[in-house]
Amino acid sequence: MHVGICDGIYGRVSINIGAEPGPDADRESNASKLTPAPAPCRIAASNAPLEVGTTLPSRTLLHLDLEGAVARWRYASTWITLLWRIGPSPYGP
């Protein structure tokens, strides 16, 4: 990931939403915590799959390759990291 960001393959921005996520399965509660985020952040995040808690690096890369973006919200964090693919996938068409 870091090499891809440094090489300009992926972009990255961190968004402080001021709340920590609940369990991944508690989608309604987590969605309500995202509502106060600034509108541009909600729009960007709504177009990307949201991974709450822990996830495998391969899953993050899969989202970037297939959907072009992913939002990561770690447990015990008030920050969401939005990653997106800037150019063509380095893994094929």
C-alpha atoms as a PDB file:
ATOM      1  CA  MET A   1       0.000   0.000   0.000  1.00  0.00           C
ATOM      2  CA  HIS A   2       2.669   2.496   0.987  1.00  0.00           C
ATOM      3  CA  VAL A   3       4.585   1.899  -2.235  1.00  0.00           C
ATOM      4  CA  GLY A   4       1.378   2.346  -4.241  1.00  0.00           C
ATOM      5  CA  ILE A   5       0.687   5.654  -2.476  1.00  0.00           C
ATOM      6  CA  CYS A   6       4.271   6.863  -3.010  1.00  0.00           C
ATOM      7  CA  ASP A   7       4.173   5.757  -6.677  1.00  0.00           C
ATOM      8  CA  GLY A   8       0.928   7.661  -7.279  1.00  0.00           C
ATOM      9  CA  ILE A   9      -1.194   4.550  -7.873  1.00  0.00           C
ATOM     10  CA  TYR A  10      -3.407   5.239  -4.834  1.00  0.00           C
ATOM     11  CA  GLY A  11      -4.570   8.393  -3.090  1.00  0.00           C
ATOM     12  CA  ARG A  12      -5.189   8.653   0.651  1.00  0.00           C
ATOM     13  CA  VAL A  13      -6.966  11.075   2.954  1.00  0.00           C
ATOM     14  CA  SER A  14      -7.853  10.798   6.660  1.00  0.00           C
ATOM     15  CA  ILE A  15     -11.173  12.177   7.905  1.00  0.00           C
ATOM     16  CA  ASN A  16     -11.828  12.775  11.623  1.00  0.00           C
ATOM     17  CA  ILE A  17     -15.489  12.066  12.301  1.00  0.00           C
ATOM     18  CA  GLY A  18     -15.247  12.404  16.091  1.00  0.00           C
ATOM     19  CA  ALA A  19     -16.692   8.988  16.940  1.00  0.00           C
ATOM     20  CA  GLU A  20     -15.377   5.454  17.288  1.00  0.00           C
ATOM     21  CA  PRO A  21     -17.064   2.594  15.436  1.00  0.00           C
ATOM     22  CA  GLY A  22     -19.141  -0.055  17.098  1.00  0.00           C
ATOM     23  CA  PRO A  23     -19.027  -3.703  16.051  1.00  0.00           C
ATOM     24  CA  ASP A  24     -18.898  -4.245  12.301  1.00  0.00           C
ATOM     25  CA  ALA A  25     -22.328  -5.920  12.359  1.00  0.00           C
ATOM     26  CA  ASP A  26     -23.962  -2.819  13.948  1.00  0.00           C
ATOM     27  CA  ARG A  27     -24.440  -1.061  10.628  1.00  0.00           C
ATOM     28  CA  GLU A  28     -27.228   1.298  11.744  1.00  0.00           C
ATOM     29  CA  SER A  29     -25.271   2.666  14.696  1.00  0.00           C
ATOM     30  CA  ASN A  30     -22.105   3.064  12.642  1.00  0.00           C
ATOM     31  CA  ALA A  31     -24.049   4.803   9.856  1.00  0.00           C
ATOM     32  CA  SER A  32     -25.529   7.274  12.355  1.00  0.00           C
ATOM     33  CA  LYS A  33     -22.016   8.134  13.545  1.00  0.00           C
ATOM     34  CA  LEU A  34     -21.046   9.026   9.970  1.00  0.00           C
ATOM     35  CA  THR A  35     -23.955  11.459   9.447  1.00  0.00           C
ATOM     36  CA  PRO A  36     -22.271  14.492  11.090  1.00  0.00           C
ATOM     37  CA  ALA A  37     -19.265  14.205   8.725  1.00  0.00           C
ATOM     38  CA  PRO A  38     -18.890  17.109   6.249  1.00  0.00           C
ATOM     39  CA  ALA A  39     -20.900  16.567   3.043  1.00  0.00           C
ATOM     40  CA  PRO A  40     -17.905  16.018   0.709  1.00  0.00           C
ATOM     41  CA  CYS A  41     -16.642  13.304   3.058  1.00  0.00           C
ATOM     42  CA  ARG A  42     -20.039  11.571   3.122  1.00  0.00           C
ATOM     43  CA  ILE A  43     -20.232  11.635  -0.669  1.00  0.00           C
ATOM     44  CA  ALA A  44     -16.712  10.237  -1.081  1.00  0.00           C
ATOM     45  CA  ALA A  45     -17.249   7.568   1.556  1.00  0.00           C
ATOM     46  CA  SER A  46     -20.683   6.610   0.202  1.00  0.00           C
ATOM     47  CA  ASN A  47     -19.072   5.606  -3.081  1.00  0.00           C
ATOM     48  CA  ALA A  48     -16.524   3.359  -1.354  1.00  0.00           C
ATOM     49  CA  PRO A  49     -17.032   0.139   0.607  1.00  0.00           C
ATOM     50  CA  LEU A  50     -16.576   0.782   4.342  1.00  0.00           C
ATOM     51  CA  GLU A  51     -14.434  -1.723   6.230  1.00  0.00           C
ATOM     52  CA  VAL A  52     -14.960  -1.408   9.998  1.00  0.00           C
ATOM     53  CA  GLY A  53     -12.449  -2.914  12.417  1.00  0.00           C
ATOM     54  CA  THR A  54      -9.741  -5.219  11.204  1.00  0.00           C
ATOM     55  CA  THR A  55      -9.384  -6.472   7.659  1.00  0.00           C
ATOM     56  CA  LEU A  56      -6.820  -8.346   5.642  1.00  0.00           C
ATOM     57  CA  PRO A  57      -4.523  -6.309   3.371  1.00  0.00           C
ATOM     58  CA  SER A  58      -5.615  -8.543   0.491  1.00  0.00           C
ATOM     59  CA  ARG A  59      -9.247  -7.456   1.041  1.00  0.00           C
ATOM     60  CA  THR A  60      -8.227  -3.791   0.940  1.00  0.00           C
ATOM     61  CA  LEU A  61      -6.376  -4.367  -2.330  1.00  0.00           C
ATOM     62  CA  LEU A  62      -9.360  -6.269  -3.711  1.00  0.00           C
ATOM     63  CA  HIS A  63     -11.658  -3.294  -3.011  1.00  0.00           C
ATOM     64  CA  LEU A  64      -9.172  -0.921  -4.617  1.00  0.00           C
ATOM     65  CA  ASP A  65      -8.860  -3.157  -7.669  1.00  0.00           C
ATOM     66  CA  LEU A  66     -12.579  -3.917  -8.139  1.00  0.00           C
ATOM     67  CA  GLU A  67     -14.387  -0.828  -6.773  1.00  0.00           C
ATOM     68  CA  GLY A  68     -11.579   1.691  -7.118  1.00  0.00           C
ATOM     69  CA  ALA A  69     -11.837   2.821  -3.483  1.00  0.00           C
ATOM     70  CA  VAL A  70     -12.232   1.694   0.118  1.00  0.00           C
ATOM     71  CA  ALA A  71     -12.832   3.491   3.414  1.00  0.00           C
ATOM     72  CA  ARG A  72     -11.162   2.016   6.527  1.00  0.00           C
ATOM     73  CA  TRP A  73     -12.448   2.749  10.050  1.00  0.00           C
ATOM     74  CA  ARG A  74     -10.303   1.009  12.645  1.00  0.00           C
ATOM     75  CA  TYR A  75     -11.717   0.040  16.019  1.00  0.00           C
ATOM     76  CA  ALA A  76     -10.950   2.594  18.773  1.00  0.00           C
ATOM     77  CA  SER A  77     -10.285   5.307  16.176  1.00  0.00           C
ATOM     78  CA  THR A  78     -12.187   8.486  15.334  1.00  0.00           C
ATOM     79  CA  TRP A  79     -10.481   8.619  11.923  1.00  0.00           C
ATOM     80  CA  ILE A  80     -11.613   7.060   8.658  1.00  0.00           C
ATOM     81  CA  THR A  81      -8.963   6.559   6.016  1.00  0.00           C
ATOM     82  CA  LEU A  82     -10.252   6.831   2.467  1.00  0.00           C
ATOM     83  CA  LEU A  83      -8.079   5.144  -0.168  1.00  0.00           C
ATOM     84  CA  TRP A  84      -8.756   5.318  -3.893  1.00  0.00           C
ATOM     85  CA  ARG A  85      -7.089   4.152  -7.061  1.00  0.00           C
ATOM     86  CA  ILE A  86      -5.818   7.079  -9.134  1.00  0.00           C
ATOM     87  CA  GLY A  87      -4.787   5.237 -12.275  1.00  0.00           C
ATOM     88  CA  PRO A  88      -5.169   1.806 -13.796  1.00  0.00           C
ATOM     89  CA  SER A  89      -4.871  -1.195 -11.512  1.00  0.00           C
ATOM     90  CA  PRO A  90      -1.313  -2.490 -11.267  1.00  0.00           C
ATOM     91  CA  TYR A  91      -2.790  -5.988 -11.083  1.00  0.00           C
ATOM     92  CA  GLY A  92      -4.405  -6.109 -14.495  1.00  0.00           C
ATOM     93  CA  PRO A  93      -7.406  -4.692 -16.406  1.00  0.00           C
END
